[in-house]
Amino acid sequence: MDNAVAPQKGPDRIAFYILRYLTRLCDGIGVALVAAILLLIVSAVVARDLLGLGMPWTEEVASLLAIYAIGFGSLSAWVRSEHLVVDLFSHRLSGLGKNVQYRITALISCGFFVLAAWGAWIMSDMSSNNKTVSLSISFSYLYYGIFFSFAGMALIAVWQTLRGPVAWLEAPREEEIKP
Protein backbone atom coordinates (compact mmCIF):
# COMPACT_ATOMS: atom_id res chain seq x y z
CA MET A 1 0.00 0.00 0.00
CA ASP A 2 2.94 2.32 0.53
CA ASN A 3 3.78 2.25 -3.19
CA ALA A 4 0.17 2.62 -4.31
CA VAL A 5 -1.02 5.74 -6.06
CA ALA A 6 -3.90 7.56 -4.38
CA PRO A 7 -7.17 7.91 -6.29
CA GLN A 8 -7.72 11.37 -7.78
CA LYS A 9 -10.81 12.38 -5.79
CA GLY A 10 -13.90 11.22 -3.95
CA PRO A 11 -14.49 8.84 -1.08
CA ASP A 12 -11.82 6.43 -2.34
CA ARG A 13 -9.16 9.10 -1.85
CA ILE A 14 -10.30 9.67 1.74
CA ALA A 15 -10.39 5.91 2.38
CA PHE A 16 -6.94 5.54 0.83
CA TYR A 17 -5.35 8.06 3.20
CA ILE A 18 -7.26 6.82 6.25
CA LEU A 19 -6.13 3.25 5.61
CA ARG A 20 -2.57 4.32 4.79
CA TYR A 21 -2.22 6.28 8.04
CA LEU A 22 -3.99 3.55 9.98
CA THR A 23 -1.46 0.96 8.81
CA ARG A 24 1.46 3.27 9.55
CA LEU A 25 0.09 4.03 13.01
CA CYS A 26 -0.52 0.34 13.74
CA ASP A 27 2.93 -0.59 12.46
CA GLY A 28 4.58 2.10 14.58
CA ILE A 29 2.70 1.13 17.72
CA GLY A 30 3.35 -2.57 17.09
CA VAL A 31 7.08 -2.02 16.64
CA ALA A 32 7.21 0.15 19.77
CA LEU A 33 5.40 -2.54 21.76
CA VAL A 34 7.72 -5.31 20.54
CA ALA A 35 10.72 -3.13 21.40
CA ALA A 36 9.24 -2.53 24.85
CA ILE A 37 8.80 -6.28 25.32
CA LEU A 38 12.43 -6.90 24.37
CA LEU A 39 13.65 -4.13 26.65
CA LEU A 40 11.51 -5.43 29.49
CA ILE A 41 12.74 -9.00 29.14
CA VAL A 42 16.40 -7.95 28.86
CA SER A 43 16.07 -5.70 31.91
CA ALA A 44 14.43 -8.52 33.89
CA VAL A 45 17.27 -10.90 32.99
CA VAL A 46 19.95 -8.33 33.83
CA ALA A 47 18.24 -7.42 37.11
CA ARG A 48 17.89 -11.06 38.11
CA ASP A 49 21.27 -12.39 37.01
CA LEU A 50 23.58 -9.43 37.60
CA LEU A 51 21.90 -7.48 40.36
CA GLY A 52 20.07 -10.28 42.15
CA LEU A 53 16.76 -8.41 41.98
CA GLY A 54 13.58 -10.25 41.10
CA MET A 55 11.08 -8.61 38.78
CA PRO A 56 8.12 -11.02 38.72
CA TRP A 57 5.77 -8.42 37.28
CA THR A 58 7.64 -8.35 33.95
CA GLU A 59 5.91 -11.53 32.76
CA GLU A 60 2.49 -9.95 33.23
CA VAL A 61 3.44 -6.73 31.49
CA ALA A 62 5.17 -8.60 28.63
CA SER A 63 2.02 -10.70 28.08
CA LEU A 64 -0.15 -7.58 27.98
CA LEU A 65 2.19 -5.82 25.57
CA ALA A 66 2.39 -8.91 23.33
CA ILE A 67 -1.40 -9.12 23.03
CA TYR A 68 -1.63 -5.47 22.00
CA ALA A 69 1.32 -5.81 19.59
CA ILE A 70 -0.38 -8.77 17.92
CA GLY A 71 -3.65 -6.84 17.77
CA PHE A 72 -2.10 -3.83 16.08
CA GLY A 73 -0.12 -6.08 13.71
CA SER A 74 -3.24 -8.04 12.77
CA LEU A 75 -5.14 -4.87 11.99
CA SER A 76 -2.32 -3.62 9.79
CA ALA A 77 -2.00 -6.99 8.04
CA TRP A 78 -5.76 -7.08 7.37
CA VAL A 79 -5.68 -3.67 5.69
CA ARG A 80 -2.74 -4.75 3.52
CA SER A 81 -4.26 -8.18 2.74
CA GLU A 82 -1.15 -9.85 4.10
CA HIS A 83 -2.81 -12.56 6.16
CA LEU A 84 -2.25 -16.13 5.01
CA VAL A 85 -4.53 -17.01 2.11
CA VAL A 86 -4.99 -20.27 0.30
CA ASP A 87 -5.96 -19.43 -3.25
CA LEU A 88 -7.05 -22.52 -5.10
CA PHE A 89 -9.33 -21.23 -7.81
CA SER A 90 -9.52 -17.42 -7.75
CA HIS A 91 -7.16 -17.05 -10.69
CA ARG A 92 -9.67 -18.97 -12.83
CA LEU A 93 -12.61 -16.68 -12.05
CA SER A 94 -13.84 -13.88 -14.28
CA GLY A 95 -13.77 -10.27 -13.11
CA LEU A 96 -17.33 -10.52 -11.82
CA GLY A 97 -16.56 -13.83 -10.11
CA LYS A 98 -13.53 -12.32 -8.35
CA ASN A 99 -15.61 -9.34 -7.26
CA VAL A 100 -18.33 -11.59 -5.82
CA GLN A 101 -15.76 -13.85 -4.16
CA TYR A 102 -14.02 -10.82 -2.62
CA ARG A 103 -17.27 -9.49 -1.17
CA ILE A 104 -18.40 -12.88 0.15
CA THR A 105 -15.02 -13.47 1.75
CA ALA A 106 -15.09 -10.01 3.32
CA LEU A 107 -18.64 -10.62 4.59
CA ILE A 108 -17.76 -14.01 6.11
CA SER A 109 -14.63 -12.48 7.64
CA CYS A 110 -16.71 -9.65 9.06
CA GLY A 111 -19.02 -12.18 10.69
CA PHE A 112 -16.07 -13.98 12.21
CA PHE A 113 -14.50 -10.73 13.44
CA VAL A 114 -17.77 -9.54 14.99
CA LEU A 115 -18.20 -12.89 16.73
CA ALA A 116 -14.61 -12.82 18.01
CA ALA A 117 -14.93 -9.19 19.17
CA TRP A 118 -18.17 -10.03 20.95
CA GLY A 119 -16.49 -13.01 22.64
CA ALA A 120 -13.58 -10.82 23.77
CA TRP A 121 -16.04 -8.23 25.11
CA ILE A 122 -17.96 -10.92 27.03
CA MET A 123 -14.70 -12.33 28.41
CA SER A 124 -13.57 -8.87 29.48
CA ASP A 125 -16.82 -8.46 31.41
CA MET A 126 -16.60 -11.93 32.95
CA SER A 127 -13.00 -11.49 34.04
CA SER A 128 -13.26 -7.94 35.35
CA ASN A 129 -12.82 -9.15 38.94
CA ASN A 130 -9.92 -11.48 38.10
CA LYS A 131 -6.58 -9.79 38.61
CA THR A 132 -3.00 -10.66 37.84
CA VAL A 133 -0.86 -11.85 40.74
CA SER A 134 1.99 -9.33 40.83
CA LEU A 135 0.42 -6.07 39.70
CA SER A 136 -3.29 -6.73 40.34
CA ILE A 137 -4.18 -5.64 36.80
CA SER A 138 -7.62 -6.76 35.70
CA PHE A 139 -7.64 -9.45 33.02
CA SER A 140 -10.17 -7.27 31.21
CA TYR A 141 -7.29 -5.22 29.84
CA LEU A 142 -5.98 -8.31 28.06
CA TYR A 143 -9.34 -8.90 26.42
CA TYR A 144 -9.71 -5.22 25.47
CA GLY A 145 -6.67 -5.58 23.20
CA ILE A 146 -8.28 -8.55 21.48
CA PHE A 147 -11.61 -6.73 21.26
CA PHE A 148 -10.16 -3.62 19.61
CA SER A 149 -8.21 -5.70 17.13
CA PHE A 150 -11.23 -7.71 15.98
CA ALA A 151 -13.58 -4.72 16.07
CA GLY A 152 -11.20 -2.75 13.85
CA MET A 153 -10.86 -5.62 11.39
CA ALA A 154 -14.68 -6.01 11.38
CA LEU A 155 -15.09 -2.33 10.42
CA ILE A 156 -12.60 -2.70 7.60
CA ALA A 157 -14.31 -5.92 6.44
CA VAL A 158 -17.67 -4.08 6.34
CA TRP A 159 -16.06 -1.42 4.17
CA GLN A 160 -14.54 -4.11 1.93
CA THR A 161 -17.91 -5.83 1.59
CA LEU A 162 -19.69 -2.62 0.63
CA ARG A 163 -16.93 -1.14 -1.56
CA GLY A 164 -15.58 -4.27 -3.19
CA PRO A 165 -12.00 -4.68 -4.42
CA VAL A 166 -9.93 -1.60 -5.18
CA ALA A 167 -6.75 -1.57 -7.23
CA TRP A 168 -4.73 0.42 -4.71
CA LEU A 169 -5.35 -2.11 -1.91
CA GLU A 170 -4.36 -5.22 -3.79
CA ALA A 171 -1.27 -6.83 -2.33
CA PRO A 172 1.55 -7.45 -4.82
CA ARG A 173 1.44 -11.09 -5.80
CA GLU A 174 4.46 -13.31 -6.10
CA GLU A 175 5.24 -14.55 -9.53
CA GLU A 176 3.75 -17.93 -10.24
CA ILE A 177 5.95 -20.65 -11.60
CA LYS A 178 4.43 -21.99 -14.78
CA PRO A 179 5.41 -25.40 -16.11
C-alpha atoms as a PDB file:
ATOM      1  CA  MET A   1       0.000   0.000   0.000  1.00  0.00           C
ATOM      2  CA  ASP A   2       2.943   2.324   0.534  1.00  0.00           C
ATOM      3  CA  ASN A   3       3.782   2.246  -3.186  1.00  0.00           C
ATOM      4  CA  ALA A   4       0.167   2.621  -4.312  1.00  0.00           C
ATOM      5  CA  VAL A   5      -1.023   5.741  -6.064  1.00  0.00           C
ATOM      6  CA  ALA A   6      -3.900   7.557  -4.380  1.00  0.00           C
ATOM      7  CA  PRO A   7      -7.166   7.908  -6.290  1.00  0.00           C
ATOM      8  CA  GLN A   8      -7.719  11.368  -7.778  1.00  0.00           C
ATOM      9  CA  LYS A   9     -10.814  12.382  -5.787  1.00  0.00           C
ATOM     10  CA  GLY A  10     -13.899  11.224  -3.955  1.00  0.00           C
ATOM     11  CA  PRO A  11     -14.495   8.837  -1.083  1.00  0.00           C
ATOM     12  CA  ASP A  12     -11.822   6.433  -2.339  1.00  0.00           C
ATOM     13  CA  ARG A  13      -9.160   9.103  -1.850  1.00  0.00           C
ATOM     14  CA  ILE A  14     -10.302   9.669   1.737  1.00  0.00           C
ATOM     15  CA  ALA A  15     -10.393   5.911   2.383  1.00  0.00           C
ATOM     16  CA  PHE A  16      -6.936   5.536   0.835  1.00  0.00           C
ATOM     17  CA  TYR A  17      -5.349   8.059   3.196  1.00  0.00           C
ATOM     18  CA  ILE A  18      -7.257   6.824   6.248  1.00  0.00           C
ATOM     19  CA  LEU A  19      -6.127   3.251   5.610  1.00  0.00           C
ATOM     20  CA  ARG A  20      -2.569   4.321   4.791  1.00  0.00           C
ATOM     21  CA  TYR A  21      -2.217   6.281   8.036  1.00  0.00           C
ATOM     22  CA  LEU A  22      -3.989   3.547   9.982  1.00  0.00           C
ATOM     23  CA  THR A  23      -1.460   0.965   8.814  1.00  0.00           C
ATOM     24  CA  ARG A  24       1.459   3.275   9.551  1.00  0.00           C
ATOM     25  CA  LEU A  25       0.090   4.027  13.015  1.00  0.00           C
ATOM     26  CA  CYS A  26      -0.525   0.336  13.742  1.00  0.00           C
ATOM     27  CA  ASP A  27       2.932  -0.588  12.456  1.00  0.00           C
ATOM     28  CA  GLY A  28       4.581   2.100  14.579  1.00  0.00           C
ATOM     29  CA  ILE A  29       2.697   1.127  17.723  1.00  0.00           C
ATOM     30  CA  GLY A  30       3.345  -2.568  17.093  1.00  0.00           C
ATOM     31  CA  VAL A  31       7.084  -2.017  16.639  1.00  0.00           C
ATOM     32  CA  ALA A  32       7.211   0.145  19.774  1.00  0.00           C
ATOM     33  CA  LEU A  33       5.403  -2.543  21.756  1.00  0.00           C
ATOM     34  CA  VAL A  34       7.724  -5.306  20.536  1.00  0.00           C
ATOM     35  CA  ALA A  35      10.723  -3.126  21.397  1.00  0.00           C
ATOM     36  CA  ALA A  36       9.237  -2.531  24.848  1.00  0.00           C
ATOM     37  CA  ILE A  37       8.797  -6.279  25.320  1.00  0.00           C
ATOM     38  CA  LEU A  38      12.426  -6.905  24.371  1.00  0.00           C
ATOM     39  CA  LEU A  39      13.652  -4.126  26.649  1.00  0.00           C
ATOM     40  CA  LEU A  40      11.513  -5.430  29.492  1.00  0.00           C
ATOM     41  CA  ILE A  41      12.744  -9.001  29.136  1.00  0.00           C
ATOM     42  CA  VAL A  42      16.397  -7.950  28.864  1.00  0.00           C
ATOM     43  CA  SER A  43      16.068  -5.699  31.910  1.00  0.00           C
ATOM     44  CA  ALA A  44      14.434  -8.524  33.887  1.00  0.00           C
ATOM     45  CA  VAL A  45      17.267 -10.904  32.985  1.00  0.00           C
ATOM     46  CA  VAL A  46      19.945  -8.331  33.826  1.00  0.00           C
ATOM     47  CA  ALA A  47      18.237  -7.418  37.111  1.00  0.00           C
ATOM     48  CA  ARG A  48      17.888 -11.055  38.107  1.00  0.00           C
ATOM     49  CA  ASP A  49      21.275 -12.390  37.008  1.00  0.00           C
ATOM     50  CA  LEU A  50      23.584  -9.432  37.604  1.00  0.00           C
ATOM     51  CA  LEU A  51      21.900  -7.475  40.362  1.00  0.00           C
ATOM     52  CA  GLY A  52      20.070 -10.282  42.147  1.00  0.00           C
ATOM     53  CA  LEU A  53      16.759  -8.412  41.976  1.00  0.00           C
ATOM     54  CA  GLY A  54      13.577 -10.250  41.102  1.00  0.00           C
ATOM     55  CA  MET A  55      11.078  -8.606  38.776  1.00  0.00           C
ATOM     56  CA  PRO A  56       8.119 -11.023  38.715  1.00  0.00           C
ATOM     57  CA  TRP A  57       5.772  -8.416  37.278  1.00  0.00           C
ATOM     58  CA  THR A  58       7.641  -8.349  33.950  1.00  0.00           C
ATOM     59  CA  GLU A  59       5.910 -11.527  32.761  1.00  0.00           C
ATOM     60  CA  GLU A  60       2.485  -9.948  33.231  1.00  0.00           C
ATOM     61  CA  VAL A  61       3.440  -6.732  31.487  1.00  0.00           C
ATOM     62  CA  ALA A  62       5.167  -8.598  28.626  1.00  0.00           C
ATOM     63  CA  SER A  63       2.018 -10.697  28.078  1.00  0.00           C
ATOM     64  CA  LEU A  64      -0.152  -7.585  27.982  1.00  0.00           C
ATOM     65  CA  LEU A  65       2.189  -5.815  25.571  1.00  0.00           C
ATOM     66  CA  ALA A  66       2.390  -8.907  23.334  1.00  0.00           C
ATOM     67  CA  ILE A  67      -1.396  -9.123  23.028  1.00  0.00           C
ATOM     68  CA  TYR A  68      -1.633  -5.473  22.005  1.00  0.00           C
ATOM     69  CA  ALA A  69       1.317  -5.814  19.589  1.00  0.00           C
ATOM     70  CA  ILE A  70      -0.381  -8.772  17.925  1.00  0.00           C
ATOM     71  CA  GLY A  71      -3.653  -6.844  17.767  1.00  0.00           C
ATOM     72  CA  PHE A  72      -2.097  -3.828  16.076  1.00  0.00           C
ATOM     73  CA  GLY A  73      -0.120  -6.082  13.715  1.00  0.00           C
ATOM     74  CA  SER A  74      -3.242  -8.042  12.770  1.00  0.00           C
ATOM     75  CA  LEU A  75      -5.143  -4.873  11.988  1.00  0.00           C
ATOM     76  CA  SER A  76      -2.316  -3.624   9.789  1.00  0.00           C
ATOM     77  CA  ALA A  77      -2.001  -6.990   8.036  1.00  0.00           C
ATOM     78  CA  TRP A  78      -5.757  -7.081   7.366  1.00  0.00           C
ATOM     79  CA  VAL A  79      -5.685  -3.673   5.693  1.00  0.00           C
ATOM     80  CA  ARG A  80      -2.742  -4.749   3.524  1.00  0.00           C
ATOM     81  CA  SER A  81      -4.262  -8.176   2.736  1.00  0.00           C
ATOM     82  CA  GLU A  82      -1.149  -9.852   4.103  1.00  0.00           C
ATOM     83  CA  HIS A  83      -2.810 -12.565   6.159  1.00  0.00           C
ATOM     84  CA  LEU A  84      -2.248 -16.127   5.015  1.00  0.00           C
ATOM     85  CA  VAL A  85      -4.526 -17.007   2.114  1.00  0.00           C
ATOM     86  CA  VAL A  86      -4.989 -20.271   0.296  1.00  0.00           C
ATOM     87  CA  ASP A  87      -5.958 -19.426  -3.246  1.00  0.00           C
ATOM     88  CA  LEU A  88      -7.052 -22.520  -5.101  1.00  0.00           C
ATOM     89  CA  PHE A  89      -9.332 -21.231  -7.809  1.00  0.00           C
ATOM     90  CA  SER A  90      -9.516 -17.416  -7.753  1.00  0.00           C
ATOM     91  CA  HIS A  91      -7.162 -17.047 -10.694  1.00  0.00           C
ATOM     92  CA  ARG A  92      -9.671 -18.971 -12.827  1.00  0.00           C
ATOM     93  CA  LEU A  93     -12.614 -16.681 -12.051  1.00  0.00           C
ATOM     94  CA  SER A  94     -13.843 -13.876 -14.282  1.00  0.00           C
ATOM     95  CA  GLY A  95     -13.772 -10.268 -13.113  1.00  0.00           C
ATOM     96  CA  LEU A  96     -17.334 -10.516 -11.823  1.00  0.00           C
ATOM     97  CA  GLY A  97     -16.562 -13.826 -10.106  1.00  0.00           C
ATOM     98  CA  LYS A  98     -13.530 -12.322  -8.354  1.00  0.00           C
ATOM     99  CA  ASN A  99     -15.611  -9.341  -7.256  1.00  0.00           C
ATOM    100  CA  VAL A 100     -18.330 -11.589  -5.822  1.00  0.00           C
ATOM    101  CA  GLN A 101     -15.761 -13.851  -4.156  1.00  0.00           C
ATOM    102  CA  TYR A 102     -14.018 -10.823  -2.617  1.00  0.00           C
ATOM    103  CA  ARG A 103     -17.266  -9.492  -1.167  1.00  0.00           C
ATOM    104  CA  ILE A 104     -18.405 -12.878   0.146  1.00  0.00           C
ATOM    105  CA  THR A 105     -15.018 -13.474   1.752  1.00  0.00           C
ATOM    106  CA  ALA A 106     -15.092 -10.015   3.323  1.00  0.00           C
ATOM    107  CA  LEU A 107     -18.642 -10.623   4.594  1.00  0.00           C
ATOM    108  CA  ILE A 108     -17.760 -14.007   6.110  1.00  0.00           C
ATOM    109  CA  SER A 109     -14.629 -12.481   7.638  1.00  0.00           C
ATOM    110  CA  CYS A 110     -16.710  -9.652   9.056  1.00  0.00           C
ATOM    111  CA  GLY A 111     -19.023 -12.176  10.686  1.00  0.00           C
ATOM    112  CA  PHE A 112     -16.067 -13.979  12.210  1.00  0.00           C
ATOM    113  CA  PHE A 113     -14.499 -10.727  13.437  1.00  0.00           C
ATOM    114  CA  VAL A 114     -17.773  -9.540  14.991  1.00  0.00           C
ATOM    115  CA  LEU A 115     -18.198 -12.889  16.727  1.00  0.00           C
ATOM    116  CA  ALA A 116     -14.606 -12.823  18.012  1.00  0.00           C
ATOM    117  CA  ALA A 117     -14.934  -9.194  19.173  1.00  0.00           C
ATOM    118  CA  TRP A 118     -18.170 -10.028  20.950  1.00  0.00           C
ATOM    119  CA  GLY A 119     -16.486 -13.010  22.639  1.00  0.00           C
ATOM    120  CA  ALA A 120     -13.583 -10.818  23.769  1.00  0.00           C
ATOM    121  CA  TRP A 121     -16.044  -8.232  25.113  1.00  0.00           C
ATOM    122  CA  ILE A 122     -17.959 -10.918  27.030  1.00  0.00           C
ATOM    123  CA  MET A 123     -14.702 -12.332  28.407  1.00  0.00           C
ATOM    124  CA  SER A 124     -13.569  -8.866  29.484  1.00  0.00           C
ATOM    125  CA  ASP A 125     -16.816  -8.459  31.409  1.00  0.00           C
ATOM    126  CA  MET A 126     -16.602 -11.931  32.953  1.00  0.00           C
ATOM    127  CA  SER A 127     -12.996 -11.493  34.040  1.00  0.00           C
ATOM    128  CA  SER A 128     -13.258  -7.937  35.352  1.00  0.00           C
ATOM    129  CA  ASN A 129     -12.821  -9.145  38.939  1.00  0.00           C
ATOM    130  CA  ASN A 130      -9.922 -11.476  38.099  1.00  0.00           C
ATOM    131  CA  LYS A 131      -6.584  -9.787  38.607  1.00  0.00           C
ATOM    132  CA  THR A 132      -2.997 -10.662  37.843  1.00  0.00           C
ATOM    133  CA  VAL A 133      -0.862 -11.848  40.745  1.00  0.00           C
ATOM    134  CA  SER A 134       1.986  -9.327  40.827  1.00  0.00           C
ATOM    135  CA  LEU A 135       0.416  -6.073  39.695  1.00  0.00           C
ATOM    136  CA  SER A 136      -3.285  -6.730  40.341  1.00  0.00           C
ATOM    137  CA  ILE A 137      -4.180  -5.644  36.803  1.00  0.00           C
ATOM    138  CA  SER A 138      -7.624  -6.762  35.702  1.00  0.00           C
ATOM    139  CA  PHE A 139      -7.641  -9.450  33.021  1.00  0.00           C
ATOM    140  CA  SER A 140     -10.170  -7.273  31.213  1.00  0.00           C
ATOM    141  CA  TYR A 141      -7.289  -5.221  29.837  1.00  0.00           C
ATOM    142  CA  LEU A 142      -5.981  -8.312  28.062  1.00  0.00           C
ATOM    143  CA  TYR A 143      -9.341  -8.895  26.422  1.00  0.00           C
ATOM    144  CA  TYR A 144      -9.707  -5.220  25.465  1.00  0.00           C
ATOM    145  CA  GLY A 145      -6.675  -5.585  23.202  1.00  0.00           C
ATOM    146  CA  ILE A 146      -8.281  -8.554  21.480  1.00  0.00           C
ATOM    147  CA  PHE A 147     -11.611  -6.729  21.256  1.00  0.00           C
ATOM    148  CA  PHE A 148     -10.159  -3.619  19.612  1.00  0.00           C
ATOM    149  CA  SER A 149      -8.212  -5.695  17.126  1.00  0.00           C
ATOM    150  CA  PHE A 150     -11.226  -7.713  15.980  1.00  0.00           C
ATOM    151  CA  ALA A 151     -13.583  -4.723  16.068  1.00  0.00           C
ATOM    152  CA  GLY A 152     -11.198  -2.754  13.850  1.00  0.00           C
ATOM    153  CA  MET A 153     -10.864  -5.624  11.395  1.00  0.00           C
ATOM    154  CA  ALA A 154     -14.678  -6.007  11.375  1.00  0.00           C
ATOM    155  CA  LEU A 155     -15.087  -2.335  10.416  1.00  0.00           C
ATOM    156  CA  ILE A 156     -12.596  -2.703   7.598  1.00  0.00           C
ATOM    157  CA  ALA A 157     -14.315  -5.920   6.441  1.00  0.00           C
ATOM    158  CA  VAL A 158     -17.670  -4.082   6.337  1.00  0.00           C
ATOM    159  CA  TRP A 159     -16.064  -1.415   4.170  1.00  0.00           C
ATOM    160  CA  GLN A 160     -14.542  -4.115   1.933  1.00  0.00           C
ATOM    161  CA  THR A 161     -17.915  -5.828   1.591  1.00  0.00           C
ATOM    162  CA  LEU A 162     -19.693  -2.616   0.632  1.00  0.00           C
ATOM    163  CA  ARG A 163     -16.932  -1.141  -1.559  1.00  0.00           C
ATOM    164  CA  GLY A 164     -15.575  -4.269  -3.189  1.00  0.00           C
ATOM    165  CA  PRO A 165     -12.004  -4.678  -4.422  1.00  0.00           C
ATOM    166  CA  VAL A 166      -9.929  -1.602  -5.179  1.00  0.00           C
ATOM    167  CA  ALA A 167      -6.753  -1.570  -7.233  1.00  0.00           C
ATOM    168  CA  TRP A 168      -4.731   0.422  -4.705  1.00  0.00           C
ATOM    169  CA  LEU A 169      -5.353  -2.115  -1.914  1.00  0.00           C
ATOM    170  CA  GLU A 170      -4.360  -5.223  -3.790  1.00  0.00           C
ATOM    171  CA  ALA A 171      -1.268  -6.831  -2.333  1.00  0.00           C
ATOM    172  CA  PRO A 172       1.545  -7.451  -4.815  1.00  0.00           C
ATOM    173  CA  ARG A 173       1.442 -11.090  -5.796  1.00  0.00           C
ATOM    174  CA  GLU A 174       4.457 -13.311  -6.097  1.00  0.00           C
ATOM    175  CA  GLU A 175       5.244 -14.547  -9.533  1.00  0.00           C
ATOM    176  CA  GLU A 176       3.752 -17.928 -10.236  1.00  0.00           C
ATOM    177  CA  ILE A 177       5.954 -20.655 -11.603  1.00  0.00           C
ATOM    178  CA  LYS A 178       4.430 -21.986 -14.784  1.00  0.00           C
ATOM    179  CA  PRO A 179       5.405 -25.396 -16.114  1.00  0.00           C
END
